[in-house]
Protein backbone atom coordinates (compact mmCIF):
# COMPACT_ATOMS: atom_id res chain seq x y z
CA MET A 1 15.11 -15.84 8.46
CA PHE A 2 12.11 -13.40 8.15
CA VAL A 3 8.58 -14.38 6.99
CA ILE A 4 5.56 -12.45 5.74
CA ARG A 5 2.27 -14.24 6.17
CA GLN A 6 -1.15 -13.37 6.51
CA VAL A 7 -2.66 -12.17 9.23
CA ALA A 8 -3.93 -14.05 12.51
CA THR A 9 -6.12 -13.18 15.32
CA GLU A 10 -3.44 -13.14 17.66
CA ASP A 11 -1.70 -10.74 16.21
CA VAL A 12 -4.28 -7.67 17.07
CA THR A 13 -2.19 -6.69 20.44
CA THR A 14 1.01 -6.28 18.35
CA LEU A 15 -0.52 -4.71 15.59
CA LEU A 16 -1.82 -1.76 17.90
CA LYS A 17 1.60 -1.54 19.11
CA LEU A 18 2.39 -1.11 15.74
CA ALA A 19 0.05 1.32 14.82
CA LYS A 20 0.77 3.39 17.79
CA MET A 21 4.18 3.87 16.46
CA VAL A 22 3.19 6.10 13.34
CA HIS A 23 0.47 7.59 11.77
CA PHE A 24 -1.41 5.70 9.22
CA ILE A 25 -5.01 6.44 8.33
CA ASN A 26 -5.43 2.47 7.31
CA LEU A 27 -4.74 1.16 10.42
CA PRO A 28 -4.98 3.90 13.62
CA PRO A 29 -4.38 2.64 16.76
CA ASP A 30 -7.83 1.46 17.70
CA ARG A 31 -8.31 -2.15 18.93
CA ASP A 32 -11.65 -2.38 17.84
CA ILE A 33 -11.24 -1.14 14.27
CA ILE A 34 -7.88 -2.99 13.81
CA ALA A 35 -9.38 -6.08 14.82
CA ALA A 36 -12.13 -5.54 12.65
CA LYS A 37 -9.80 -5.88 9.50
CA VAL A 38 -8.34 -8.63 11.04
CA VAL A 39 -11.64 -10.60 10.81
CA ARG A 40 -12.06 -8.96 6.68
CA SER A 41 -8.45 -9.79 6.21
CA ARG A 42 -8.99 -13.33 7.51
CA HIS A 43 -12.29 -14.65 5.33
CA SER A 44 -10.67 -12.73 1.98
CA PHE A 45 -7.78 -14.90 2.47
CA GLY A 46 -9.81 -17.65 2.57
CA LYS A 47 -12.53 -16.70 -0.35
CA GLN A 48 -15.27 -15.85 2.19
CA ALA A 49 -15.15 -12.07 0.98
CA ARG A 50 -17.65 -12.39 -2.38
CA ASP A 51 -18.08 -9.01 -2.67
CA PRO A 52 -14.81 -7.20 -3.35
CA ARG A 53 -15.83 -3.81 -1.21
CA GLU A 54 -15.11 -6.40 2.03
CA ARG A 55 -11.63 -7.60 0.99
CA ASN A 56 -9.07 -6.02 2.87
CA PHE A 57 -5.93 -8.39 2.67
CA MET A 58 -3.33 -8.08 5.63
CA PHE A 59 0.43 -9.07 5.94
CA VAL A 60 2.33 -9.14 8.61
CA LEU A 61 6.37 -9.42 9.01
CA GLU A 62 7.61 -11.79 11.81
CA ASP A 63 11.05 -12.75 12.68
CA LEU A 64 11.40 -16.13 12.91
CA GLY A 65 14.33 -15.99 15.15
CA THR A 66 12.30 -14.58 17.59
CA GLY A 67 8.83 -15.33 16.80
CA ASN A 68 8.29 -11.25 16.79
CA VAL A 69 5.48 -10.03 14.62
CA ILE A 70 7.74 -6.70 13.23
CA GLY A 71 5.65 -5.16 10.83
CA THR A 72 2.44 -5.14 8.62
CA SER A 73 1.09 -3.84 4.72
CA ALA A 74 -2.13 -4.20 3.13
CA ILE A 75 -4.18 -4.43 0.19
CA LEU A 76 -7.89 -3.17 -0.17
CA SER A 77 -9.57 -4.55 -2.92
CA CYS A 78 -12.22 -1.96 -3.32
CA ILE A 79 -12.23 1.00 -1.46
CA SER A 80 -15.14 3.14 -3.19
CA TRP A 81 -18.19 2.95 -4.70
CA PRO A 82 -21.83 4.72 -5.22
CA GLY A 83 -23.02 5.75 -2.06
CA HIS A 84 -19.23 5.55 -0.44
CA PRO A 85 -16.89 7.73 -2.61
CA HIS A 86 -13.21 8.07 -2.19
CA VAL A 87 -13.01 11.78 -1.31
CA TYR A 88 -9.67 14.06 -2.66
CA LEU A 89 -9.13 17.34 -3.23
CA GLU A 90 -7.56 17.79 -6.73
CA VAL A 91 -5.10 20.34 -7.13
CA SER A 92 -5.08 22.39 -10.64
CA ARG A 93 -3.68 25.83 -11.24
CA LYS A 94 -5.86 28.44 -13.28
CA GLU A 95 -4.01 31.63 -15.11
CA PHE A 96 -5.13 35.55 -14.96
CA TRP A 97 -3.69 38.26 -16.83
CA SER A 98 -4.66 42.17 -17.08
CA ASP A 99 -4.00 44.06 -20.32
CA ASP A 100 -3.55 46.99 -18.33
CA LEU A 101 -1.13 46.63 -16.19
CA GLN A 102 0.37 43.61 -18.47
CA GLN A 103 1.74 41.36 -15.62
CA GLY A 104 -0.31 38.20 -14.78
CA ASN A 105 -0.18 35.58 -12.17
CA THR A 106 -1.66 31.66 -11.70
CA GLN A 107 -3.35 30.64 -8.51
CA VAL A 108 -3.88 27.31 -7.25
CA MET A 109 -6.76 25.40 -6.81
CA LEU A 110 -8.07 23.12 -4.26
CA THR A 111 -11.27 21.64 -5.70
CA LEU A 112 -12.85 18.71 -3.78
CA GLY A 113 -13.99 15.45 -5.63
CA GLU A 114 -15.54 11.68 -5.32
CA ASP A 115 -13.92 8.72 -6.94
CA VAL A 116 -17.02 5.70 -6.84
CA SER A 117 -14.91 3.45 -9.76
CA GLY A 118 -13.63 1.19 -6.81
CA PRO A 119 -9.68 1.39 -7.26
CA SER A 120 -7.58 -1.04 -5.24
CA GLU A 121 -5.02 0.48 -2.59
CA MET A 122 -1.71 -0.01 -1.21
CA GLY A 123 -2.52 0.43 3.03
CA GLY A 124 -0.38 1.59 4.88
CA LEU A 125 3.00 0.27 5.67
CA ILE A 126 4.58 0.10 9.05
CA LEU A 127 8.48 -1.62 10.20
CA ALA A 128 9.30 -1.61 13.83
CA PRO A 129 11.90 0.88 13.88
CA GLY A 130 14.98 -1.21 15.36
CA TYR A 131 14.40 -3.20 12.07
CA ARG A 132 14.18 -0.31 9.43
CA GLY A 133 17.80 -0.14 7.66
CA HIS A 134 17.88 -3.53 7.69
CA ALA A 135 20.30 -5.49 5.77
CA GLU A 136 17.79 -7.66 3.75
CA ARG A 137 15.56 -4.41 3.12
CA LEU A 138 12.79 -5.24 5.01
CA GLY A 139 10.25 -2.37 4.76
CA GLY A 140 10.99 -3.31 0.54
CA PHE A 141 9.80 -7.12 1.78
CA LEU A 142 6.48 -5.38 3.07
CA SER A 143 6.07 -3.06 0.31
CA MET A 144 6.88 -5.66 -2.75
CA VAL A 145 4.99 -8.49 -1.19
CA ARG A 146 1.80 -6.59 -2.04
CA PHE A 147 2.29 -6.85 -6.06
CA HIS A 148 3.65 -10.34 -5.48
CA PHE A 149 0.02 -11.41 -3.96
CA MET A 150 -1.77 -9.15 -6.72
CA GLY A 151 0.25 -10.85 -8.98
CA LEU A 152 -1.21 -14.33 -8.25
CA HIS A 153 -5.03 -12.89 -7.77
CA ARG A 154 -4.86 -10.01 -9.99
CA ARG A 155 -9.01 -11.00 -10.41
CA GLN A 156 -9.19 -10.15 -6.41
CA PHE A 157 -8.17 -6.30 -7.90
CA ASN A 158 -8.90 -2.98 -9.87
CA LYS A 159 -7.82 -2.37 -12.61
CA ARG A 160 -6.44 0.53 -11.40
CA VAL A 161 -4.63 1.20 -8.29
CA ILE A 162 -3.83 3.98 -6.01
CA ALA A 163 -1.43 4.36 -3.13
CA GLU A 164 -1.63 7.48 -0.39
CA MET A 165 1.49 8.90 0.52
CA MET A 166 1.25 10.21 4.16
CA GLY A 167 1.46 13.66 4.55
CA ALA A 168 3.48 16.11 7.16
CA ILE A 169 1.76 15.59 10.90
CA THR A 170 3.77 17.45 13.98
CA PRO A 171 4.81 15.25 17.36
CA ASP A 172 1.39 15.95 18.79
CA SER A 173 -0.65 14.63 15.47
CA HIS A 174 -1.93 17.76 13.69
CA ASN A 175 -1.86 18.67 10.34
CA LEU A 176 -0.82 22.28 9.25
CA LEU A 177 -3.21 22.41 6.00
CA TRP A 178 -6.15 20.39 8.12
CA ASP A 179 -6.11 23.14 10.77
CA TYR A 180 -6.08 26.33 8.35
CA LEU A 181 -8.09 24.41 5.96
CA GLY A 182 -10.42 21.41 6.92
CA ARG A 183 -11.20 22.43 9.81
CA ARG A 184 -12.27 26.11 8.69
CA PHE A 185 -15.19 23.66 8.06
CA ILE A 186 -15.47 20.79 9.84
CA ASN A 187 -15.18 21.66 13.54
CA LEU A 188 -12.94 18.17 14.47
CA SER A 189 -9.57 18.03 15.11
CA TYR A 190 -7.15 16.59 12.76
CA LYS A 191 -6.75 13.28 14.48
CA GLU A 192 -11.06 13.20 15.67
CA ALA A 193 -11.72 13.71 11.38
CA ASP A 194 -9.09 10.93 10.76
CA LEU A 195 -10.78 8.58 13.01
CA PHE A 196 -14.33 9.05 12.07
CA CYS A 197 -13.37 8.40 8.46
CA GLN A 198 -12.54 4.77 9.29
CA HIS A 199 -16.66 4.39 9.67
CA SER A 200 -18.02 7.18 7.36
CA LYS A 201 -16.71 10.37 4.95
CA GLU A 202 -20.34 11.61 4.26
CA PHE A 203 -18.96 14.73 6.58
CA MET A 204 -16.50 15.51 4.30
CA THR A 205 -18.91 15.93 1.19
CA ALA A 206 -21.82 16.95 3.41
CA LEU A 207 -19.62 20.05 5.09
CA PHE A 208 -16.71 20.48 2.48
CA PRO A 209 -17.10 23.45 -0.06
CA ARG A 210 -17.49 22.38 -3.68
CA GLU A 211 -16.23 25.30 -5.11
CA PRO A 212 -13.04 25.43 -6.12
CA ILE A 213 -10.77 27.05 -3.16
CA TYR A 214 -7.47 29.32 -3.64
CA ALA A 215 -4.39 28.01 -2.33
CA SER A 216 -2.74 31.79 -1.79
CA LEU A 217 -5.36 32.44 0.79
CA LEU A 218 -3.58 30.06 3.52
CA PRO A 219 -0.68 30.34 5.48
CA PRO A 220 2.28 29.62 3.55
CA GLU A 221 3.14 26.81 6.33
CA ALA A 222 -0.04 25.42 5.11
CA ARG A 223 0.32 25.98 1.49
CA ASN A 224 3.72 24.30 1.26
CA LEU A 225 2.09 20.68 2.34
CA ILE A 226 -0.29 20.59 -0.28
CA ALA A 227 1.30 17.53 -2.35
CA ARG A 228 3.85 16.76 -0.28
CA GLU A 229 4.48 13.12 1.68
CA SER A 230 6.53 13.03 4.77
CA ASP A 231 9.93 12.66 4.67
CA GLU A 232 9.64 9.53 6.62
CA THR A 233 7.31 8.26 3.31
CA GLY A 234 9.98 9.28 0.94
CA PRO A 235 11.40 6.27 0.00
CA ALA A 236 8.09 4.48 -0.31
CA ARG A 237 6.94 6.96 -2.79
CA ARG A 238 10.25 6.22 -4.76
CA MET A 239 9.71 2.78 -5.20
CA LEU A 240 6.81 3.13 -6.19
CA GLU A 241 7.36 5.11 -8.76
CA ARG A 242 9.64 2.98 -9.56
CA GLN A 243 6.90 0.59 -10.29
CA GLY A 244 5.13 2.86 -12.46
CA PHE A 245 2.67 5.09 -9.93
CA GLU A 246 2.92 8.76 -10.35
CA TYR A 247 0.89 11.42 -9.47
CA LYS A 248 -2.00 13.11 -10.84
CA GLY A 249 -3.24 15.54 -9.24
CA HIS A 250 -4.63 14.09 -6.50
CA ILE A 251 -4.21 15.00 -2.50
CA ASP A 252 -5.75 13.89 0.89
CA PRO A 253 -8.20 16.58 1.92
CA PHE A 254 -6.58 15.58 5.53
CA ASP A 255 -3.03 15.47 5.19
CA GLY A 256 -2.35 16.89 1.59
CA GLY A 257 -0.13 14.26 0.83
CA PRO A 258 -0.43 12.95 -2.85
CA TYR A 259 -2.11 10.36 -4.13
CA LEU A 260 -0.26 7.92 -6.70
CA GLU A 261 -1.31 5.95 -9.06
CA ALA A 262 -0.79 2.82 -12.01
CA VAL A 263 -2.74 0.31 -13.57
CA ARG A 264 -2.32 -2.95 -12.52
CA ASP A 265 -1.01 -4.70 -15.13
CA ARG A 266 1.51 -2.24 -16.12
CA ILE A 267 2.98 -2.68 -12.70
CA PRO A 268 6.59 -4.52 -13.20
CA LEU A 269 6.43 -6.53 -10.10
CA VAL A 270 2.86 -7.69 -10.76
CA GLU A 271 3.77 -8.46 -14.25
CA SER A 272 6.56 -10.92 -13.41
CA THR A 273 5.36 -13.20 -11.16
CA GLY A 274 3.85 -16.35 -11.91
CA ARG A 275 3.81 -19.91 -10.65
CA PHE A 276 5.78 -22.42 -10.38
CA ASN A 277 5.77 -26.46 -8.72
CA LEU A 278 8.38 -26.89 -6.21
CA THR A 279 10.54 -29.57 -7.63
CA GLY A 280 12.78 -29.81 -4.84
CA PRO A 281 15.70 -27.90 -2.49
CA LEU A 282 18.32 -26.01 -4.12
CA SER A 283 22.06 -27.32 -3.94
CA GLY A 284 24.22 -23.77 -3.66
CA THR A 285 23.07 -20.19 -5.20
CA GLY A 286 20.28 -19.92 -7.21
CA THR A 287 20.30 -18.11 -10.81
CA SER A 288 18.11 -15.75 -9.24
CA THR A 289 16.71 -13.71 -6.17
CA GLY A 290 13.26 -12.93 -5.10
CA ILE A 291 10.14 -13.46 -3.99
CA VAL A 292 8.84 -16.87 -2.88
CA SER A 293 5.05 -17.83 -1.71
CA CYS A 294 3.22 -20.81 -0.92
CA GLU A 295 -0.41 -20.54 -0.03
CA GLY A 296 -1.17 -24.25 1.74
CA ASP A 297 -2.29 -25.66 5.34
CA GLN A 298 -0.79 -22.53 6.75
CA GLY A 299 -1.92 -19.79 4.75
CA PHE A 300 0.01 -17.61 2.58
CA ARG A 301 3.97 -17.28 3.86
CA SER A 302 6.38 -15.77 1.63
CA VAL A 303 10.31 -15.22 2.47
CA GLN A 304 12.83 -13.26 0.13
CA THR A 305 15.16 -16.23 -1.26
CA SER A 306 17.18 -17.09 -4.07
CA PHE A 307 15.89 -20.05 -6.41
CA THR A 308 16.20 -21.24 -9.66
CA VAL A 309 13.65 -21.93 -12.64
CA ARG A 310 13.73 -24.81 -14.87
CA GLY A 311 10.89 -24.95 -17.27
CA ASP A 312 7.49 -25.33 -15.44
CA GLY A 313 9.93 -25.89 -12.22
CA VAL A 314 11.44 -23.97 -9.12
CA ARG A 315 14.35 -25.02 -6.38
CA ILE A 316 14.81 -23.10 -3.10
CA SER A 317 16.81 -23.76 -0.06
CA ALA A 318 16.05 -25.93 2.64
CA ASP A 319 15.08 -22.99 5.05
CA ALA A 320 12.97 -21.29 3.05
CA ILE A 321 10.94 -24.69 2.08
CA GLU A 322 9.99 -25.13 5.41
CA ALA A 323 9.95 -21.18 6.48
CA ILE A 324 6.50 -21.36 3.85
CA GLY A 325 5.40 -24.94 4.87
CA ALA A 326 5.97 -25.93 1.40
CA ALA A 327 6.31 -29.76 -0.04
CA ARG A 328 7.80 -31.35 -2.82
CA GLY A 329 5.16 -30.74 -5.85
CA SER A 330 3.75 -27.69 -3.93
CA ALA A 331 2.52 -24.32 -6.37
CA LEU A 332 4.67 -21.93 -5.08
CA GLY A 333 4.30 -17.86 -6.63
CA VAL A 334 7.68 -16.84 -7.54
CA THR A 335 8.20 -12.86 -8.38
CA ALA A 336 12.24 -12.27 -9.19
CA LEU A 337 13.45 -8.96 -8.09
CA PRO A 338 15.67 -6.65 -9.79
CA LYS A 339 19.45 -6.11 -9.05
CA GLY A 340 19.61 -2.60 -9.03
CA ALA A 341 16.48 0.13 -8.46
CA SER A 342 17.18 0.82 -12.32
CA GLU A 343 16.73 -2.21 -13.84
CA LYS A 344 13.14 -3.87 -14.95
CA THR A 345 12.33 -6.48 -13.05
CA LYS A 346 11.64 -9.84 -15.95
CA LYS A 347 9.35 -12.53 -15.09
CA PRO A 348 11.02 -16.41 -14.75
CA LYS A 349 11.27 -18.16 -18.03
CA LYS A 350 8.47 -20.78 -17.87
CA SER A 351 6.68 -23.19 -20.63
CA LYS A 352 3.24 -22.32 -20.02
CA LYS A 353 1.58 -19.13 -18.74
CA ALA A 354 0.77 -18.66 -15.11
CA LYS A 355 -2.87 -19.32 -13.86
CA LYS A 356 -4.36 -16.15 -12.65
CA SER A 357 -6.84 -16.89 -10.28
């Protein structure tokens, strides 16, 4: 069985190994940065981070059969505020026409933009290579548990949620859009700039031009990366789009990957999440399948399992009860998952509304 739990201090070494497997801006392969994120996450789960700017909820996926941590994902409650903007490139189009030639063209423009409204962000998701393509769809579990948690704690997050789709990176950690565009104004390699922005993004707003840049001036190999996610990120984008996320013309200024965004309370998995009391173990197969979690003495723990809801009560298997550290009467978070990607997620029916924290 696999369980997703809140990150612990002893996970830092494993997270560092995972971070070295794939490039993600939210989890760079730097022990000090990862350790600091783990501390912030512990404070966030422990409700010690009262300022939304300090909240960073990190989850890890553990194989209970081996005890190994094999994946991670995160949610950042607030990624920008006055003096600390979220920086992006806005992609727009401008039309030109010549009456004399009776012909025209459309130019793609890139303009540096700043957002200080404080949206929440879905953090980088990493799954160990040996577990990709697993029958239990562990990558989907790591992704969807974030919406499950958000549904249980809506007030911890902004009404606007964004997700960064990773752009195309070369095997030697280069990005052609950065090499032909960003580095013309900022004398840092892609890797150096990416790492430095973990501490500050002031260099972007100070050195990058504010005037629109014509994308046609870039070579084709760089131009083709605008608003394009990496091949590995494609499945994650499709999952997010099924949850109502949309591309609205904003891309990452480092690698050109698109930003997707959605309204928190319109995300189907957030809407479908509620709280129910554990009434006992389940005999046989449940009527629904989804994510069930408990926030008890062991902190946040969740599993994918079948369950049956009746009124305000829910039943899950004895193994699932043990895995999440629950007991009869425990308040459990429940999110029913659709059987197919094209189906809508429905909230389990209960007699009264779930309490939001």
